[in-house]
C-alpha atoms as a PDB file:
ATOM      1  CA  MET A   1      68.047  95.374 207.046  1.00  0.00           C
ATOM      2  CA  ALA A   2      65.023  95.204 204.277  1.00  0.00           C
ATOM      3  CA  GLN A   3      67.226  94.865 201.547  1.00  0.00           C
ATOM      4  CA  LEU A   4      69.031  91.794 203.464  1.00  0.00           C
ATOM      5  CA  SER A   5      65.761  90.605 204.161  1.00  0.00           C
ATOM      6  CA  GLY A   6      64.667  90.947 200.737  1.00  0.00           C
ATOM      7  CA  ALA A   7      67.538  89.028 199.278  1.00  0.00           C
ATOM      8  CA  ILE A   8      67.498  86.376 201.870  1.00  0.00           C
ATOM      9  CA  ARG A   9      63.823  85.560 200.678  1.00  0.00           C
ATOM     10  CA  ARG A  10      64.717  86.050 196.913  1.00  0.00           C
ATOM     11  CA  LEU A  11      67.275  83.125 197.544  1.00  0.00           C
ATOM     12  CA  ALA A  12      65.002  81.136 199.487  1.00  0.00           C
ATOM     13  CA  ASP A  13      62.908  80.891 196.389  1.00  0.00           C
ATOM     14  CA  GLU A  14      66.254  79.773 194.368  1.00  0.00           C
ATOM     15  CA  PRO A  15      66.181  75.683 193.738  1.00  0.00           C
ATOM     16  CA  LYS A  16      70.153  75.801 193.852  1.00  0.00           C
ATOM     17  CA  THR A  17      70.724  77.858 196.916  1.00  0.00           C
ATOM     18  CA  ASN A  18      72.905  76.644 199.660  1.00  0.00           C
ATOM     19  CA  ARG A  19      71.114  76.279 202.684  1.00  0.00           C
ATOM     20  CA  ARG A  20      73.809  76.892 205.112  1.00  0.00           C
ATOM     21  CA  THR A  21      74.647  80.025 203.244  1.00  0.00           C
ATOM     22  CA  LEU A  22      70.873  80.883 203.946  1.00  0.00           C
ATOM     23  CA  ALA A  23      70.964  80.024 207.373  1.00  0.00           C
ATOM     24  CA  SER A  24      73.886  82.414 207.958  1.00  0.00           C
ATOM     25  CA  LEU A  25      72.346  85.051 206.015  1.00  0.00           C
ATOM     26  CA  ASN A  26      69.449  84.742 208.459  1.00  0.00           C
ATOM     27  CA  GLU A  27      71.664  84.488 211.545  1.00  0.00           C
ATOM     28  CA  LEU A  28      73.105  87.977 210.615  1.00  0.00           C
ATOM     29  CA  LEU A  29      69.603  89.368 209.988  1.00  0.00           C
ATOM     30  CA  GLY A  30      68.399  87.998 213.185  1.00  0.00           C
ATOM     31  CA  ALA A  31      71.596  89.693 214.584  1.00  0.00           C
ATOM     32  CA  ASN A  32      70.704  92.862 213.076  1.00  0.00           C
ATOM     33  CA  TYR A  33      67.044  92.922 214.321  1.00  0.00           C
ATOM     34  CA  ALA A  34      67.982  92.637 217.880  1.00  0.00           C
ATOM     35  CA  LEU A  35      70.493  95.376 217.391  1.00  0.00           C
ATOM     36  CA  ALA A  36      67.839  97.548 216.093  1.00  0.00           C
ATOM     37  CA  SER A  37      65.788  96.514 218.856  1.00  0.00           C
ATOM     38  CA  ASP A  38      68.598  97.551 221.587  1.00  0.00           C
ATOM     39  CA  LEU A  39      68.989 100.712 220.168  1.00  0.00           C
ATOM     40  CA  ALA A  40      65.373 101.500 219.955  1.00  0.00           C
ATOM     41  CA  SER A  41      65.395 100.727 223.880  1.00  0.00           C
ATOM     42  CA  MET A  42      67.322 103.576 224.510  1.00  0.00           C
ATOM     43  CA  PRO A  43      64.870 106.611 224.168  1.00  0.00           C
ATOM     44  CA  VAL A  44      62.669 104.549 226.563  1.00  0.00           C
ATOM     45  CA  LEU A  45      65.093 103.981 228.791  1.00  0.00           C
ATOM     46  CA  MET A  46      66.364 107.891 228.571  1.00  0.00           C
ATOM     47  CA  LYS A  47      62.392 108.885 228.786  1.00  0.00           C
ATOM     48  CA  THR A  48      61.940 106.516 232.107  1.00  0.00           C
ATOM     49  CA  ARG A  49      64.943 107.033 233.846  1.00  0.00           C
ATOM     50  CA  GLY A  50      66.541 110.184 232.405  1.00  0.00           C
ATOM     51  CA  ALA A  51      65.657 112.325 235.308  1.00  0.00           C
ATOM     52  CA  GLU A  52      67.783 110.111 237.854  1.00  0.00           C
ATOM     53  CA  LEU A  53      70.847 110.026 235.569  1.00  0.00           C
ATOM     54  CA  ASP A  54      73.867 111.980 236.210  1.00  0.00           C
ATOM     55  CA  PRO A  55      73.938 113.917 233.041  1.00  0.00           C
ATOM     56  CA  VAL A  56      77.698 114.506 232.548  1.00  0.00           C
ATOM     57  CA  ARG A  57      78.416 110.678 233.386  1.00  0.00           C
ATOM     58  CA  ALA A  58      75.134 109.532 231.451  1.00  0.00           C
ATOM     59  CA  ASP A  59      76.581 111.535 228.190  1.00  0.00           C
ATOM     60  CA  ALA A  60      80.111 110.377 228.493  1.00  0.00           C
ATOM     61  CA  GLN A  61      79.115 106.674 228.551  1.00  0.00           C
ATOM     62  CA  ILE A  62      76.612 106.894 226.004  1.00  0.00           C
ATOM     63  CA  GLU A  63      79.192 108.639 223.954  1.00  0.00           C
ATOM     64  CA  THR A  64      81.928 106.000 224.681  1.00  0.00           C
ATOM     65  CA  ALA A  65      79.387 102.883 223.764  1.00  0.00           C
ATOM     66  CA  ARG A  66      78.581 104.973 220.276  1.00  0.00           C
ATOM     67  CA  ASN A  67      82.152 105.220 219.357  1.00  0.00           C
ATOM     68  CA  ARG A  68      82.809 101.299 219.950  1.00  0.00           C
ATOM     69  CA  VAL A  69      79.611 100.272 218.183  1.00  0.00           C
ATOM     70  CA  ALA A  70      80.307 102.613 215.253  1.00  0.00           C
ATOM     71  CA  GLU A  71      84.132 101.337 215.090  1.00  0.00           C
ATOM     72  CA  LEU A  72      82.571  97.488 215.494  1.00  0.00           C
ATOM     73  CA  LEU A  73      80.489  98.229 212.854  1.00  0.00           C
ATOM     74  CA  THR A  74      82.364  99.955 210.495  1.00  0.00           C
ATOM     75  CA  SER A  75      85.971  98.397 210.320  1.00  0.00           C
ATOM     76  CA  GLY A  76      85.017  95.397 208.387  1.00  0.00           C
ATOM     77  CA  SER A  77      87.312  93.217 210.716  1.00  0.00           C
ATOM     78  CA  MET A  78      86.297  90.398 212.581  1.00  0.00           C
ATOM     79  CA  PRO A  79      86.159  91.011 216.612  1.00  0.00           C
ATOM     80  CA  ASP A  80      88.485  89.038 218.221  1.00  0.00           C
ATOM     81  CA  SER A  81      85.911  88.121 221.169  1.00  0.00           C
ATOM     82  CA  GLU A  82      82.349  88.635 222.628  1.00  0.00           C
ATOM     83  CA  PRO A  83      82.420  89.153 226.072  1.00  0.00           C
ATOM     84  CA  ALA A  84      78.967  88.801 227.660  1.00  0.00           C
ATOM     85  CA  PRO A  85      77.610  92.114 228.879  1.00  0.00           C
ATOM     86  CA  VAL A  86      78.648  93.002 232.365  1.00  0.00           C
ATOM     87  CA  ARG A  87      76.433  92.178 234.986  1.00  0.00           C
ATOM     88  CA  GLU A  88      76.290  93.616 238.436  1.00  0.00           C
ATOM     89  CA  SER A  89      74.755  92.494 241.620  1.00  0.00           C
ATOM     90  CA  LEU A  90      71.635  94.418 242.629  1.00  0.00           C
ATOM     91  CA  SER A  91      72.551  93.991 246.362  1.00  0.00           C
ATOM     92  CA  GLY A  92      74.666  96.389 248.124  1.00  0.00           C
ATOM     93  CA  LEU A  93      74.584  98.866 245.191  1.00  0.00           C
ATOM     94  CA  LYS A  94      76.739 102.065 245.542  1.00  0.00           C
ATOM     95  CA  GLU A  95      75.371 104.307 243.033  1.00  0.00           C
ATOM     96  CA  ASN A  96      72.636 105.669 241.218  1.00  0.00           C
ATOM     97  CA  PHE A  97      70.355 102.206 240.247  1.00  0.00           C
ATOM     98  CA  ALA A  98      69.440 104.282 236.851  1.00  0.00           C
ATOM     99  CA  MET A  99      73.192 104.716 235.890  1.00  0.00           C
ATOM    100  CA  ILE A 100      73.775 101.122 236.555  1.00  0.00           C
ATOM    101  CA  VAL A 101      70.715 100.261 234.125  1.00  0.00           C
ATOM    102  CA  LEU A 102      72.201 102.471 231.370  1.00  0.00           C
ATOM    103  CA  ALA A 103      75.510 100.793 231.909  1.00  0.00           C
ATOM    104  CA  ARG A 104      73.979  97.453 231.296  1.00  0.00           C
ATOM    105  CA  ARG A 105      72.003  98.445 228.173  1.00  0.00           C
ATOM    106  CA  LEU A 106      74.961 100.126 226.884  1.00  0.00           C
ATOM    107  CA  ALA A 107      77.087  96.781 227.406  1.00  0.00           C
ATOM    108  CA  HIS A 108      74.038  94.716 226.029  1.00  0.00           C
ATOM    109  CA  ILE A 109      74.063  97.259 222.781  1.00  0.00           C
ATOM    110  CA  GLU A 110      77.919  96.837 222.361  1.00  0.00           C
ATOM    111  CA  TYR A 111      77.651  92.991 222.818  1.00  0.00           C
ATOM    112  CA  THR A 112      75.174  92.917 220.199  1.00  0.00           C
ATOM    113  CA  ALA A 113      77.199  95.051 218.075  1.00  0.00           C
ATOM    114  CA  ARG A 114      79.900  92.881 218.173  1.00  0.00           C
ATOM    115  CA  LYS A 115      77.913  89.853 217.296  1.00  0.00           C
ATOM    116  CA  VAL A 116      76.809  91.843 213.903  1.00  0.00           C
ATOM    117  CA  ALA A 117      79.684  92.620 213.234  1.00  0.00           C
ATOM    118  CA  ARG A 118      81.385  88.913 213.948  1.00  0.00           C
ATOM    119  CA  LEU A 119      78.841  87.560 211.821  1.00  0.00           C
ATOM    120  CA  ALA A 120      79.136  90.069 208.786  1.00  0.00           C
ATOM    121  CA  ALA A 121      82.586  89.680 208.724  1.00  0.00           C
ATOM    122  CA  ARG A 122      82.218  85.773 208.196  1.00  0.00           C
ATOM    123  CA  PRO A 123      83.104  84.807 204.909  1.00  0.00           C
ATOM    124  CA  VAL A 124      80.112  82.772 204.583  1.00  0.00           C
ATOM    125  CA  ILE A 125      80.100  82.007 200.532  1.00  0.00           C
ATOM    126  CA  ALA A 126      83.736  81.219 200.541  1.00  0.00           C
ATOM    127  CA  ASP A 127      83.631  78.780 203.316  1.00  0.00           C
ATOM    128  CA  GLU A 128      80.698  77.211 201.576  1.00  0.00           C
ATOM    129  CA  GLU A 129      82.237  76.909 198.342  1.00  0.00           C
ATOM    130  CA  GLU A 130      85.517  75.128 200.402  1.00  0.00           C
ATOM    131  CA  HIS A 131      83.227  72.454 201.945  1.00  0.00           C
ATOM    132  CA  ALA A 132      81.608  71.439 198.724  1.00  0.00           C
ATOM    133  CA  HIS A 133      84.948  70.402 197.368  1.00  0.00           C
END
């Protein structure tokens, strides 16, 4: 993220930089910061709610989410869709509240990773050149 931020800053100083390309790169940088923030929230969640979690189920959910996020971020292809994080009603909860908090956090992390992958796979510069002609 630091290298991308530096490149954007340098591009912004160039007189012939395409502003649409710069805006697209800024959007990617913002999505990366959002993902980093989501990931940084996990140790806090584990510290505050860890004792309430079902350790076997929590570990399985975290591992599944980790694998999906890693696949999204390393595949290089544009994800097909960007589903919203799963939201469950707080009324009538039938299971451990901490497990639902964990599931929501993991769904949001996957959602944010999907957005980063989509923005990173987008051919920004090629699109800009096509629009110029």
